[in-house]
Amino acid sequence: MKELVEIIAKSLVDHPDEVVVTEKETEKAIIVELKVASEDMGKVIGKQGRIAKSIRTVVKAAATKDDKKVMVEILQ
């Protein structure tokens, strides 16, 4: 999941070298944290959160084969 979020985020932002994705695994879920440059935050979130919601939807669809719950958090 980490690689998927990283590829999507790097294709959206102006500063792909500042994209940092970390993955934490708990018993019930995998938490993927995404950090981007502050000026790229709007590009990752989108108007009314549409792009962020789309990223979460794609990651959840990819995670169904693993039977794990995946949460994508966008950090500042």
C-alpha atoms as a PDB file:
ATOM      1  CA  MET A   1       0.000   0.000   0.000  1.00  0.00           C
ATOM      2  CA  LYS A   2       2.885   2.325   0.756  1.00  0.00           C
ATOM      3  CA  GLU A   3       4.184   2.137  -2.806  1.00  0.00           C
ATOM      4  CA  LEU A   4       0.739   2.766  -4.284  1.00  0.00           C
ATOM      5  CA  VAL A   5       0.176   5.923  -2.218  1.00  0.00           C
ATOM      6  CA  GLU A   6       3.689   7.126  -3.032  1.00  0.00           C
ATOM      7  CA  ILE A   7       3.205   6.721  -6.792  1.00  0.00           C
ATOM      8  CA  ILE A   8      -0.144   8.518  -6.728  1.00  0.00           C
ATOM      9  CA  ALA A   9       1.128  11.381  -4.562  1.00  0.00           C
ATOM     10  CA  LYS A  10       4.303  11.925  -6.588  1.00  0.00           C
ATOM     11  CA  SER A  11       2.278  12.200  -9.786  1.00  0.00           C
ATOM     12  CA  LEU A  12       0.083  14.933  -8.253  1.00  0.00           C
ATOM     13  CA  VAL A  13       2.588  17.298  -6.635  1.00  0.00           C
ATOM     14  CA  ASP A  14       5.133  19.842  -7.893  1.00  0.00           C
ATOM     15  CA  HIS A  15       7.837  18.635  -5.472  1.00  0.00           C
ATOM     16  CA  PRO A  16       7.849  14.827  -5.729  1.00  0.00           C
ATOM     17  CA  ASP A  17      11.160  14.586  -3.865  1.00  0.00           C
ATOM     18  CA  GLU A  18       9.446  15.899  -0.697  1.00  0.00           C
ATOM     19  CA  VAL A  19       6.786  13.150  -0.641  1.00  0.00           C
ATOM     20  CA  VAL A  20       7.213  10.910   2.410  1.00  0.00           C
ATOM     21  CA  VAL A  21       5.020   7.860   2.961  1.00  0.00           C
ATOM     22  CA  THR A  22       5.182   5.771   6.123  1.00  0.00           C
ATOM     23  CA  GLU A  23       3.233   2.641   6.942  1.00  0.00           C
ATOM     24  CA  LYS A  24       2.200   1.451  10.397  1.00  0.00           C
ATOM     25  CA  GLU A  25       0.555  -1.908  10.899  1.00  0.00           C
ATOM     26  CA  THR A  26      -1.750  -2.624  13.824  1.00  0.00           C
ATOM     27  CA  GLU A  27      -3.797  -5.709  14.602  1.00  0.00           C
ATOM     28  CA  LYS A  28      -6.886  -4.439  12.823  1.00  0.00           C
ATOM     29  CA  ALA A  29      -5.601  -2.016  10.206  1.00  0.00           C
ATOM     30  CA  ILE A  30      -2.727  -0.618   8.197  1.00  0.00           C
ATOM     31  CA  ILE A  31      -2.227   3.127   8.599  1.00  0.00           C
ATOM     32  CA  VAL A  32      -0.517   4.875   5.700  1.00  0.00           C
ATOM     33  CA  GLU A  33       0.706   8.379   6.498  1.00  0.00           C
ATOM     34  CA  LEU A  34       1.394  10.799   3.658  1.00  0.00           C
ATOM     35  CA  LYS A  35       3.477  13.951   4.047  1.00  0.00           C
ATOM     36  CA  VAL A  36       3.970  16.435   1.212  1.00  0.00           C
ATOM     37  CA  ALA A  37       5.416  19.938   0.926  1.00  0.00           C
ATOM     38  CA  SER A  38       3.127  22.606   2.370  1.00  0.00           C
ATOM     39  CA  GLU A  39       2.555  24.226  -1.032  1.00  0.00           C
ATOM     40  CA  ASP A  40       1.477  20.856  -2.454  1.00  0.00           C
ATOM     41  CA  MET A  41      -1.066  20.147   0.284  1.00  0.00           C
ATOM     42  CA  GLY A  42      -3.951  21.571  -1.746  1.00  0.00           C
ATOM     43  CA  LYS A  43      -3.099  19.391  -4.737  1.00  0.00           C
ATOM     44  CA  VAL A  44      -3.221  16.234  -2.644  1.00  0.00           C
ATOM     45  CA  ILE A  45      -6.443  17.171  -0.840  1.00  0.00           C
ATOM     46  CA  GLY A  46      -8.287  18.774  -3.766  1.00  0.00           C
ATOM     47  CA  LYS A  47     -11.460  20.834  -3.767  1.00  0.00           C
ATOM     48  CA  GLN A  48     -13.699  19.716  -0.920  1.00  0.00           C
ATOM     49  CA  GLY A  49     -11.343  16.766  -0.342  1.00  0.00           C
ATOM     50  CA  ARG A  50     -12.190  15.014  -3.596  1.00  0.00           C
ATOM     51  CA  ILE A  51      -8.658  13.928  -4.476  1.00  0.00           C
ATOM     52  CA  ALA A  52      -7.953  12.728  -0.920  1.00  0.00           C
ATOM     53  CA  LYS A  53     -11.186  10.738  -1.005  1.00  0.00           C
ATOM     54  CA  SER A  54     -10.212   9.241  -4.368  1.00  0.00           C
ATOM     55  CA  ILE A  55      -6.785   8.214  -3.058  1.00  0.00           C
ATOM     56  CA  ARG A  56      -8.444   6.523  -0.088  1.00  0.00           C
ATOM     57  CA  THR A  57     -10.916   4.733  -2.373  1.00  0.00           C
ATOM     58  CA  VAL A  58      -8.165   3.345  -4.625  1.00  0.00           C
ATOM     59  CA  VAL A  59      -6.113   2.170  -1.650  1.00  0.00           C
ATOM     60  CA  LYS A  60      -9.136   0.509  -0.026  1.00  0.00           C
ATOM     61  CA  ALA A  61      -9.931  -1.273  -3.284  1.00  0.00           C
ATOM     62  CA  ALA A  62      -6.349  -2.545  -3.506  1.00  0.00           C
ATOM     63  CA  ALA A  63      -6.471  -3.683   0.124  1.00  0.00           C
ATOM     64  CA  THR A  64      -9.557  -5.863  -0.252  1.00  0.00           C
ATOM     65  CA  LYS A  65      -7.441  -8.742  -1.554  1.00  0.00           C
ATOM     66  CA  ASP A  66      -5.441  -8.699   1.709  1.00  0.00           C
ATOM     67  CA  ASP A  67      -8.568  -8.572   3.911  1.00  0.00           C
ATOM     68  CA  LYS A  68      -7.091  -5.669   5.849  1.00  0.00           C
ATOM     69  CA  LYS A  69      -8.546  -2.275   6.634  1.00  0.00           C
ATOM     70  CA  VAL A  70      -6.350   0.522   5.316  1.00  0.00           C
ATOM     71  CA  MET A  71      -6.497   4.112   6.494  1.00  0.00           C
ATOM     72  CA  VAL A  72      -4.733   6.912   4.605  1.00  0.00           C
ATOM     73  CA  GLU A  73      -3.835   9.950   6.700  1.00  0.00           C
ATOM     74  CA  ILE A  74      -2.526  13.148   5.130  1.00  0.00           C
ATOM     75  CA  LEU A  75      -0.197  14.937   7.532  1.00  0.00           C
ATOM     76  CA  GLN A  76       1.169  18.452   7.500  1.00  0.00           C
END
